[in-house]
Amino acid sequence: MGASSPWADHVTLHASVRDGNIARMRELAALPIPAGGQVTLEPGVYHLMFTQLYTPLVVGDIVPLTLVFERAGRIEVMLRVLPLGGRPADDHRH
């Protein structure tokens, strides 16, 4: 249902959608996740957008993030900043 981080004024959820040959982003109020299911945040599909950062993100930084779920409540996670197009070495997914 939402997200926040002490590193930015706002963290918003977006979906990438195709409009003919043009890719657009659409802000989502919430992202349905089926019971027992999962949703992957990745470029070109769903992603989080950090706006009005308090400091630039640097490769290797560890950024705290709070995800807010309708039933599970608030979940604290830590994100590692990777190079553009980079993936974690073990491709670990949540």
C-alpha atoms as a PDB file:
ATOM      1  CA  MET A   1       0.000   0.000   0.000  1.00  0.00           C
ATOM      2  CA  GLY A   2       2.954   2.303   0.417  1.00  0.00           C
ATOM      3  CA  ALA A   3       6.599   2.855   1.221  1.00  0.00           C
ATOM      4  CA  SER A   4       8.822   5.416   2.915  1.00  0.00           C
ATOM      5  CA  SER A   5      12.505   5.995   3.561  1.00  0.00           C
ATOM      6  CA  PRO A   6      14.434   8.443   5.729  1.00  0.00           C
ATOM      7  CA  TRP A   7      16.559   9.131   2.621  1.00  0.00           C
ATOM      8  CA  ALA A   8      13.744  10.797   0.623  1.00  0.00           C
ATOM      9  CA  ASP A   9      10.684  12.990   1.057  1.00  0.00           C
ATOM     10  CA  HIS A  10       8.579  10.539  -0.944  1.00  0.00           C
ATOM     11  CA  VAL A  11       8.712   6.923  -2.089  1.00  0.00           C
ATOM     12  CA  THR A  12       6.024   6.041  -4.608  1.00  0.00           C
ATOM     13  CA  LEU A  13       5.051   2.841  -6.385  1.00  0.00           C
ATOM     14  CA  HIS A  14       4.880   2.871 -10.180  1.00  0.00           C
ATOM     15  CA  ALA A  15       3.926   0.508 -12.973  1.00  0.00           C
ATOM     16  CA  SER A  16       5.497   0.732 -16.412  1.00  0.00           C
ATOM     17  CA  VAL A  17       2.912   0.564 -19.184  1.00  0.00           C
ATOM     18  CA  ARG A  18       3.221   0.573 -22.962  1.00  0.00           C
ATOM     19  CA  ASP A  19       1.214   3.111 -24.944  1.00  0.00           C
ATOM     20  CA  GLY A  20       1.937   2.029 -28.519  1.00  0.00           C
ATOM     21  CA  ASN A  21       5.687   2.475 -28.911  1.00  0.00           C
ATOM     22  CA  ILE A  22       5.969   4.713 -25.869  1.00  0.00           C
ATOM     23  CA  ALA A  23       6.767   3.445 -22.372  1.00  0.00           C
ATOM     24  CA  ARG A  24       5.066   5.411 -19.592  1.00  0.00           C
ATOM     25  CA  MET A  25       5.043   5.229 -15.814  1.00  0.00           C
ATOM     26  CA  ARG A  26       1.802   5.244 -13.857  1.00  0.00           C
ATOM     27  CA  GLU A  27       1.749   5.840 -10.114  1.00  0.00           C
ATOM     28  CA  LEU A  28      -0.126   3.155  -8.172  1.00  0.00           C
ATOM     29  CA  ALA A  29      -1.994   3.700  -4.909  1.00  0.00           C
ATOM     30  CA  ALA A  30      -1.456   0.025  -4.032  1.00  0.00           C
ATOM     31  CA  LEU A  31      -0.154  -3.171  -5.596  1.00  0.00           C
ATOM     32  CA  PRO A  32      -2.323  -6.269  -5.105  1.00  0.00           C
ATOM     33  CA  ILE A  33      -0.347  -9.323  -4.011  1.00  0.00           C
ATOM     34  CA  PRO A  34      -2.280 -12.594  -3.970  1.00  0.00           C
ATOM     35  CA  ALA A  35      -2.362 -14.548  -0.701  1.00  0.00           C
ATOM     36  CA  GLY A  36       0.760 -16.712  -0.591  1.00  0.00           C
ATOM     37  CA  GLY A  37       1.956 -15.033  -3.811  1.00  0.00           C
ATOM     38  CA  GLN A  38       4.692 -12.607  -4.663  1.00  0.00           C
ATOM     39  CA  VAL A  39       5.352  -9.583  -6.838  1.00  0.00           C
ATOM     40  CA  THR A  40       8.798  -8.649  -8.099  1.00  0.00           C
ATOM     41  CA  LEU A  41       9.829  -5.008  -8.291  1.00  0.00           C
ATOM     42  CA  GLU A  42      12.043  -4.625 -11.355  1.00  0.00           C
ATOM     43  CA  PRO A  43      12.732  -2.122 -14.121  1.00  0.00           C
ATOM     44  CA  GLY A  44      10.118  -2.132 -16.867  1.00  0.00           C
ATOM     45  CA  VAL A  45       7.376  -3.606 -14.655  1.00  0.00           C
ATOM     46  CA  TYR A  46       6.841  -2.357 -11.084  1.00  0.00           C
ATOM     47  CA  HIS A  47       9.302  -0.129  -9.260  1.00  0.00           C
ATOM     48  CA  LEU A  48       9.672   2.291  -6.365  1.00  0.00           C
ATOM     49  CA  MET A  49      10.569   5.895  -7.094  1.00  0.00           C
ATOM     50  CA  PHE A  50      12.488   7.903  -4.490  1.00  0.00           C
ATOM     51  CA  THR A  51      11.890  11.651  -4.943  1.00  0.00           C
ATOM     52  CA  GLN A  52      13.468  14.636  -3.246  1.00  0.00           C
ATOM     53  CA  LEU A  53      16.447  12.636  -1.977  1.00  0.00           C
ATOM     54  CA  TYR A  54      18.311  14.155   0.958  1.00  0.00           C
ATOM     55  CA  THR A  55      21.615  12.878  -0.433  1.00  0.00           C
ATOM     56  CA  PRO A  56      22.576  11.255  -3.751  1.00  0.00           C
ATOM     57  CA  LEU A  57      22.498   7.465  -3.886  1.00  0.00           C
ATOM     58  CA  VAL A  58      25.982   5.994  -4.292  1.00  0.00           C
ATOM     59  CA  VAL A  59      26.754   2.440  -5.397  1.00  0.00           C
ATOM     60  CA  GLY A  60      27.251   0.374  -2.243  1.00  0.00           C
ATOM     61  CA  ASP A  61      24.991   2.510  -0.005  1.00  0.00           C
ATOM     62  CA  ILE A  62      22.541   0.641   2.209  1.00  0.00           C
ATOM     63  CA  VAL A  63      19.183   2.455   2.210  1.00  0.00           C
ATOM     64  CA  PRO A  64      16.481   1.748   4.815  1.00  0.00           C
ATOM     65  CA  LEU A  65      12.957   1.327   3.441  1.00  0.00           C
ATOM     66  CA  THR A  66       9.625   0.742   5.155  1.00  0.00           C
ATOM     67  CA  LEU A  67       7.037  -1.160   3.116  1.00  0.00           C
ATOM     68  CA  VAL A  68       3.414  -0.847   4.237  1.00  0.00           C
ATOM     69  CA  PHE A  69       1.058  -3.763   3.644  1.00  0.00           C
ATOM     70  CA  GLU A  70      -2.692  -3.865   4.253  1.00  0.00           C
ATOM     71  CA  ARG A  71      -2.567  -6.993   6.416  1.00  0.00           C
ATOM     72  CA  ALA A  72       1.102  -7.442   7.352  1.00  0.00           C
ATOM     73  CA  GLY A  73       1.551  -3.819   8.433  1.00  0.00           C
ATOM     74  CA  ARG A  74       4.964  -2.177   8.300  1.00  0.00           C
ATOM     75  CA  ILE A  75       7.990  -4.207   7.220  1.00  0.00           C
ATOM     76  CA  GLU A  76      11.493  -2.721   7.479  1.00  0.00           C
ATOM     77  CA  VAL A  77      13.990  -3.705   4.770  1.00  0.00           C
ATOM     78  CA  MET A  78      17.431  -2.553   3.683  1.00  0.00           C
ATOM     79  CA  LEU A  79      18.241  -1.921   0.024  1.00  0.00           C
ATOM     80  CA  ARG A  80      21.743  -2.071  -1.443  1.00  0.00           C
ATOM     81  CA  VAL A  81      22.419   0.501  -4.184  1.00  0.00           C
ATOM     82  CA  LEU A  82      23.732  -1.280  -7.293  1.00  0.00           C
ATOM     83  CA  PRO A  83      25.204   0.118 -10.493  1.00  0.00           C
ATOM     84  CA  LEU A  84      22.617   0.939 -13.149  1.00  0.00           C
ATOM     85  CA  GLY A  85      21.518  -2.389 -14.624  1.00  0.00           C
ATOM     86  CA  GLY A  86      23.287  -4.307 -11.840  1.00  0.00           C
ATOM     87  CA  ARG A  87      21.822  -7.301 -10.020  1.00  0.00           C
ATOM     88  CA  PRO A  88      22.762  -8.756  -6.651  1.00  0.00           C
ATOM     89  CA  ALA A  89      25.453 -11.417  -6.963  1.00  0.00           C
ATOM     90  CA  ASP A  90      23.127 -14.151  -5.677  1.00  0.00           C
ATOM     91  CA  ASP A  91      20.016 -12.711  -7.458  1.00  0.00           C
ATOM     92  CA  HIS A  92      18.180 -13.060  -4.119  1.00  0.00           C
ATOM     93  CA  ARG A  93      14.485 -12.207  -4.388  1.00  0.00           C
ATOM     94  CA  HIS A  94      11.811 -11.251  -1.826  1.00  0.00           C
END
